[in-house]
Amino acid sequence: MQQLNDQVIIVQVLVGVFLCINTMLIITFFMKDTFYRTMRYILFAVTLLSDCLILILTDLLLILSYFRLSIQVSLCLIMFAVSSVCNFVTPFTLTAMTLERYVAICMPLRHGELCSTRSALQCILIIHGLSSVPCILILSVFFASVSLSFFTQYRVCSVEMFILRSWQGHLRSAISQFYFLIMCIIIVFSYIQIMKVAKAASRENKKSTHKGLRTVALHAFQLLLCLIQLWCPFIEAAVLQIDFMLYVNVRYFNYIMFSLTPRCLSPLIYGLRDDKFFLALRYHVLCHLHRKKSVGVSN
């Protein structure tokens, strides 16, 4: 059991670090009005908020599952619904951010029109609407199949609790695969189009265009990790039939690699690589450290 304890502690440390970084980036986003008037930064903030929610919820579920703690089914249902939606919000938002880069590089004259604040808000509504579809399908069958007394019962919270029929899991998987196929097509299309522009670009524009290419490539890598995460339950179910401890280790690896890792790439892509955001972040951190130092000296 010592190994399991070590694994849980490592997860807590990683989640804590990622939450601190994401919180700092969210604070930086609200510091300058330029950020919340620009579509790519608005979408970046949506990704950060979604990642924070899913990190908190999945970590809480991990702790509840590890210690076999029971909670009321109604509370578990809320956690499942929010985490299910957020699970799709991040890849959808990544795809929208890729399209924004495509418009900025390939259609610069229409960028202001197509990527306005209003367009960003409409895009966020569409993203959350599409992300809710798998959750609505599963919960619709669940509500129709159980009695009201079931919601007051106490159980160990898990996703499997809400999938009462095998076809529900297959339908959810099919919708997920369809979504990610569309996202992959959009990202590949955007990358090819940006590459064409990069070849024809003048020397002054090549740096910006190549940076856009690298950003799209990183989004594609994030999306790949999110796609693999959808296959993890099938792999884990097969491993569970072989050996329980192997199942625990595989599930731990999948959580670190395909759940935590994609969510630490967003701060890297925009928080550190984007010049404007990095300068604002550095200014915020240095000012905070300076204030703490001044308070320490005065005391």
Protein backbone atom coordinates (compact mmCIF):
# COMPACT_ATOMS: atom_id res chain seq x y z
CA MET A 1 0.00 0.00 0.00
CA GLN A 2 3.01 2.33 0.41
CA GLN A 3 3.34 2.55 -3.37
CA LEU A 4 -0.29 3.64 -3.67
CA ASN A 5 0.23 6.31 -1.01
CA ASP A 6 3.25 7.63 -2.89
CA GLN A 7 1.22 7.76 -6.10
CA VAL A 8 -1.60 9.72 -4.45
CA ILE A 9 0.90 12.19 -2.97
CA ILE A 10 2.59 12.71 -6.35
CA VAL A 11 -0.80 13.42 -7.95
CA GLN A 12 -1.62 15.96 -5.22
CA VAL A 13 1.69 17.75 -5.80
CA LEU A 14 1.21 17.85 -9.59
CA VAL A 15 -2.40 19.01 -9.35
CA GLY A 16 -1.41 21.67 -6.80
CA VAL A 17 1.39 22.99 -9.05
CA PHE A 18 -0.83 23.07 -12.17
CA LEU A 19 -3.65 24.81 -10.26
CA CYS A 20 -1.25 27.47 -8.93
CA ILE A 21 0.13 28.15 -12.42
CA ASN A 22 -3.36 28.25 -13.99
CA THR A 23 -4.68 30.54 -11.25
CA MET A 24 -1.77 32.93 -11.79
CA LEU A 25 -2.47 32.95 -15.54
CA ILE A 26 -6.20 33.59 -14.98
CA ILE A 27 -5.38 36.55 -12.69
CA THR A 28 -3.00 37.88 -15.38
CA PHE A 29 -5.76 37.55 -18.00
CA PHE A 30 -8.09 39.83 -15.98
CA MET A 31 -5.33 42.37 -15.30
CA LYS A 32 -5.33 43.88 -18.82
CA ASP A 33 -8.46 44.76 -20.80
CA THR A 34 -6.55 43.93 -24.01
CA PHE A 35 -6.72 40.24 -23.11
CA TYR A 36 -10.47 39.99 -22.50
CA ARG A 37 -11.15 41.91 -25.72
CA THR A 38 -9.08 39.55 -27.88
CA MET A 39 -10.58 36.25 -29.05
CA ARG A 40 -7.53 34.01 -28.63
CA TYR A 41 -6.94 35.19 -25.05
CA ILE A 42 -10.64 34.76 -24.19
CA LEU A 43 -10.50 31.18 -25.49
CA PHE A 44 -7.25 30.64 -23.60
CA ALA A 45 -8.97 31.76 -20.38
CA VAL A 46 -11.87 29.35 -21.08
CA THR A 47 -9.32 26.53 -21.43
CA LEU A 48 -7.65 27.48 -18.14
CA LEU A 49 -10.97 27.59 -16.25
CA SER A 50 -12.07 24.28 -17.76
CA ASP A 51 -8.72 22.68 -16.91
CA CYS A 52 -8.90 23.95 -13.31
CA LEU A 53 -12.39 22.49 -12.87
CA ILE A 54 -11.48 19.11 -14.31
CA LEU A 55 -8.25 18.94 -12.27
CA ILE A 56 -10.14 19.65 -9.03
CA LEU A 57 -12.99 17.23 -9.80
CA THR A 58 -10.86 14.33 -11.07
CA ASP A 59 -8.49 14.72 -8.12
CA LEU A 60 -11.43 14.74 -5.70
CA LEU A 61 -12.87 11.63 -7.36
CA LEU A 62 -9.45 9.97 -7.15
CA ILE A 63 -9.26 10.63 -3.39
CA LEU A 64 -12.85 9.46 -2.80
CA SER A 65 -12.21 6.30 -4.80
CA TYR A 66 -8.86 5.60 -3.14
CA PHE A 67 -10.26 5.87 0.40
CA ARG A 68 -13.57 4.23 -0.65
CA LEU A 69 -15.58 7.21 0.68
CA SER A 70 -19.29 7.29 -0.13
CA ILE A 71 -21.14 10.47 -1.12
CA GLN A 72 -24.75 11.17 -2.02
CA VAL A 73 -25.62 10.15 -5.59
CA SER A 74 -27.08 13.60 -6.38
CA LEU A 75 -23.72 15.24 -5.53
CA CYS A 76 -21.88 12.62 -7.56
CA LEU A 77 -24.21 13.35 -10.48
CA ILE A 78 -23.31 17.06 -10.41
CA MET A 79 -19.59 16.23 -10.33
CA PHE A 80 -20.02 13.78 -13.21
CA ALA A 81 -21.97 16.31 -15.33
CA VAL A 82 -19.43 19.13 -14.83
CA SER A 83 -16.38 16.91 -15.42
CA SER A 84 -18.00 15.30 -18.48
CA VAL A 85 -18.68 18.68 -20.07
CA CYS A 86 -15.23 20.09 -19.17
CA ASN A 87 -13.60 16.99 -20.61
CA PHE A 88 -14.81 18.05 -24.07
CA VAL A 89 -14.55 21.84 -23.58
CA THR A 90 -10.73 21.81 -23.64
CA PRO A 91 -10.28 19.98 -27.01
CA PHE A 92 -13.13 21.98 -28.61
CA THR A 93 -11.54 25.23 -27.42
CA LEU A 94 -8.13 24.11 -28.73
CA THR A 95 -9.74 23.56 -32.14
CA ALA A 96 -11.34 27.02 -32.01
CA MET A 97 -7.96 28.56 -31.09
CA THR A 98 -6.39 26.77 -34.07
CA LEU A 99 -9.07 28.22 -36.38
CA GLU A 100 -8.37 31.67 -34.91
CA ARG A 101 -4.67 31.29 -35.82
CA TYR A 102 -5.68 30.12 -39.30
CA VAL A 103 -7.84 33.23 -39.81
CA ALA A 104 -5.12 35.53 -38.38
CA ILE A 105 -2.43 34.17 -40.74
CA CYS A 106 -4.37 33.15 -43.85
CA MET A 107 -7.16 35.78 -43.78
CA PRO A 108 -5.62 38.76 -41.95
CA LEU A 109 -7.97 41.33 -43.52
CA ARG A 110 -11.03 39.53 -42.12
CA HIS A 111 -9.53 38.68 -38.74
CA GLY A 112 -11.05 41.66 -36.94
CA GLU A 113 -14.50 40.86 -38.32
CA LEU A 114 -14.48 37.08 -37.79
CA CYS A 115 -12.62 37.02 -34.45
CA SER A 116 -14.40 39.77 -32.54
CA THR A 117 -15.42 39.59 -28.86
CA ARG A 118 -18.99 38.80 -29.94
CA SER A 119 -17.74 35.92 -32.10
CA ALA A 120 -15.73 34.63 -29.13
CA LEU A 121 -18.84 34.56 -26.89
CA GLN A 122 -20.86 32.80 -29.61
CA CYS A 123 -18.03 30.30 -30.03
CA ILE A 124 -17.97 29.59 -26.27
CA LEU A 125 -21.74 28.91 -26.29
CA ILE A 126 -21.36 26.50 -29.23
CA ILE A 127 -18.41 24.75 -27.54
CA HIS A 128 -20.34 24.18 -24.31
CA GLY A 129 -23.46 23.10 -26.23
CA LEU A 130 -21.55 20.44 -28.18
CA SER A 131 -19.66 19.37 -25.05
CA SER A 132 -22.95 18.76 -23.23
CA VAL A 133 -24.38 16.29 -25.81
CA PRO A 134 -22.72 13.05 -24.50
CA CYS A 135 -23.56 13.97 -20.90
CA ILE A 136 -27.21 14.75 -21.75
CA LEU A 137 -27.62 11.42 -23.57
CA ILE A 138 -26.24 9.40 -20.64
CA LEU A 139 -28.15 11.29 -17.95
CA SER A 140 -31.44 11.18 -19.91
CA VAL A 141 -31.39 7.37 -19.82
CA PHE A 142 -30.21 7.43 -16.19
CA PHE A 143 -33.09 9.71 -15.05
CA ALA A 144 -35.61 7.52 -16.88
CA SER A 145 -34.26 4.30 -15.34
CA VAL A 146 -33.87 5.03 -11.61
CA SER A 147 -36.27 6.07 -8.88
CA LEU A 148 -36.06 9.34 -6.94
CA SER A 149 -34.95 7.49 -3.80
CA PHE A 150 -31.77 6.43 -5.61
CA PHE A 151 -30.51 10.05 -5.61
CA THR A 152 -30.48 10.15 -1.79
CA GLN A 153 -28.40 6.98 -1.47
CA TYR A 154 -24.69 7.08 -0.59
CA ARG A 155 -22.27 5.38 -2.98
CA VAL A 156 -18.63 5.49 -4.05
CA CYS A 157 -18.73 7.98 -6.92
CA SER A 158 -17.71 6.70 -10.36
CA VAL A 159 -18.63 7.28 -14.00
CA GLU A 160 -19.74 3.66 -14.36
CA MET A 161 -22.61 4.36 -11.96
CA PHE A 162 -24.42 6.42 -14.61
CA ILE A 163 -23.87 4.08 -17.57
CA LEU A 164 -26.66 1.54 -17.01
CA ARG A 165 -26.62 -0.01 -20.49
CA SER A 166 -23.61 -1.14 -22.50
CA TRP A 167 -24.90 0.71 -25.57
CA GLN A 168 -24.66 3.99 -23.64
CA GLY A 169 -20.91 3.55 -23.31
CA HIS A 170 -20.61 2.63 -26.99
CA LEU A 171 -22.72 5.65 -28.02
CA ARG A 172 -20.65 7.98 -25.84
CA SER A 173 -17.47 6.56 -27.33
CA ALA A 174 -18.84 6.89 -30.90
CA ILE A 175 -19.78 10.56 -30.35
CA SER A 176 -16.36 11.23 -28.83
CA GLN A 177 -14.54 9.59 -31.76
CA PHE A 178 -16.70 11.56 -34.23
CA TYR A 179 -15.95 14.83 -32.43
CA PHE A 180 -12.23 14.17 -32.41
CA LEU A 181 -12.23 13.12 -36.07
CA ILE A 182 -13.76 16.51 -36.98
CA MET A 183 -11.26 18.30 -34.72
CA CYS A 184 -8.31 16.45 -36.27
CA ILE A 185 -9.52 17.33 -39.79
CA ILE A 186 -9.80 21.02 -38.82
CA ILE A 187 -6.33 21.09 -37.25
CA VAL A 188 -4.67 19.27 -40.18
CA PHE A 189 -6.44 21.59 -42.65
CA SER A 190 -5.34 24.68 -40.69
CA TYR A 191 -1.74 23.43 -40.46
CA ILE A 192 -1.54 22.78 -44.22
CA GLN A 193 -3.01 26.17 -45.06
CA ILE A 194 -0.68 27.99 -42.65
CA MET A 195 2.27 26.04 -44.11
CA LYS A 196 1.34 27.24 -47.60
CA VAL A 197 1.25 30.84 -46.37
CA ALA A 198 4.59 30.32 -44.58
CA LYS A 199 6.28 29.25 -47.81
CA ALA A 200 4.97 32.30 -49.67
CA ALA A 201 5.52 34.76 -46.80
CA SER A 202 8.09 37.53 -46.95
CA ARG A 203 11.08 37.46 -44.63
CA GLU A 204 9.34 39.86 -42.17
CA ASN A 205 6.26 37.67 -41.87
CA LYS A 206 8.03 34.28 -41.77
CA LYS A 207 8.79 34.49 -38.03
CA SER A 208 5.14 35.13 -37.12
CA THR A 209 3.89 32.46 -39.54
CA HIS A 210 6.31 29.79 -38.27
CA LYS A 211 5.31 30.62 -34.70
CA GLY A 212 1.68 30.05 -35.75
CA LEU A 213 2.69 26.67 -37.21
CA ARG A 214 4.36 25.64 -33.96
CA THR A 215 1.29 26.70 -31.99
CA VAL A 216 -1.00 24.59 -34.21
CA ALA A 217 1.40 21.64 -33.89
CA LEU A 218 1.28 21.91 -30.07
CA HIS A 219 -2.52 22.05 -30.21
CA ALA A 220 -2.47 18.89 -32.33
CA PHE A 221 -0.27 17.15 -29.74
CA GLN A 222 -2.66 18.20 -26.95
CA LEU A 223 -5.59 16.91 -28.96
CA LEU A 224 -3.82 13.58 -29.54
CA LEU A 225 -3.34 13.13 -25.78
CA CYS A 226 -7.03 13.97 -25.21
CA LEU A 227 -8.02 11.43 -27.88
CA ILE A 228 -5.91 8.69 -26.26
CA GLN A 229 -7.66 9.48 -22.97
CA LEU A 230 -10.93 8.28 -24.56
CA TRP A 231 -9.39 4.87 -25.25
CA CYS A 232 -8.06 4.50 -21.70
CA PRO A 233 -11.28 3.00 -20.19
CA PHE A 234 -11.19 0.18 -22.79
CA ILE A 235 -7.51 -0.54 -22.04
CA GLU A 236 -8.14 -0.40 -18.27
CA ALA A 237 -11.15 -2.76 -18.55
CA ALA A 238 -9.00 -5.31 -20.41
CA VAL A 239 -6.12 -5.03 -17.91
CA LEU A 240 -8.54 -5.43 -14.97
CA GLN A 241 -9.33 -8.94 -16.23
CA ILE A 242 -5.62 -9.85 -15.97
CA ASP A 243 -4.38 -8.38 -12.69
CA PHE A 244 -5.81 -5.80 -10.23
CA MET A 245 -2.50 -4.20 -9.22
CA LEU A 246 -1.50 -3.89 -12.87
CA TYR A 247 -4.89 -2.23 -13.45
CA VAL A 248 -4.19 0.28 -10.63
CA ASN A 249 -0.75 1.14 -12.07
CA VAL A 250 -2.06 1.47 -15.64
CA ARG A 251 -4.88 3.72 -14.46
CA TYR A 252 -2.41 5.88 -12.53
CA PHE A 253 -0.15 6.18 -15.60
CA ASN A 254 -3.11 7.06 -17.83
CA TYR A 255 -4.25 9.76 -15.41
CA ILE A 256 -0.80 11.37 -15.27
CA MET A 257 -0.07 11.05 -18.99
CA PHE A 258 -3.41 11.66 -20.67
CA SER A 259 -5.34 13.73 -18.15
CA LEU A 260 -2.77 15.92 -16.37
CA THR A 261 -0.20 16.35 -19.17
CA PRO A 262 -2.55 17.91 -21.79
CA ARG A 263 -3.66 20.41 -19.16
CA CYS A 264 -0.12 21.56 -18.41
CA LEU A 265 0.56 22.34 -22.08
CA SER A 266 -1.92 25.24 -22.30
CA PRO A 267 0.13 27.45 -19.93
CA LEU A 268 3.22 26.56 -21.98
CA ILE A 269 1.63 27.46 -25.33
CA TYR A 270 0.13 30.82 -24.40
CA GLY A 271 1.38 31.64 -20.92
CA LEU A 272 5.08 31.36 -21.79
CA ARG A 273 5.33 31.42 -25.62
CA ASP A 274 3.04 34.39 -26.20
CA ASP A 275 5.12 37.58 -25.83
CA LYS A 276 2.29 39.87 -24.62
CA PHE A 277 0.98 37.40 -22.09
CA PHE A 278 4.44 36.47 -20.84
CA LEU A 279 5.36 40.14 -20.28
CA ALA A 280 2.12 40.75 -18.38
CA LEU A 281 2.68 37.60 -16.32
CA ARG A 282 6.27 38.56 -15.51
CA TYR A 283 5.17 42.08 -14.54
CA HIS A 284 2.44 40.67 -12.26
CA VAL A 285 4.83 38.20 -10.57
CA LEU A 286 7.62 40.76 -10.09
CA CYS A 287 5.19 43.35 -8.67
CA HIS A 288 3.81 40.77 -6.25
CA LEU A 289 7.32 39.78 -5.12
CA HIS A 290 8.32 43.45 -4.78
CA ARG A 291 5.26 44.18 -2.60
CA LYS A 292 6.05 41.18 -0.36
CA LYS A 293 9.66 42.32 -0.06
CA SER A 294 8.57 45.88 0.81
CA VAL A 295 6.19 44.60 3.50
CA GLY A 296 8.97 42.39 4.91
CA VAL A 297 11.40 45.35 5.08
CA SER A 298 8.84 47.66 6.73
CA ASN A 299 8.11 45.04 9.40
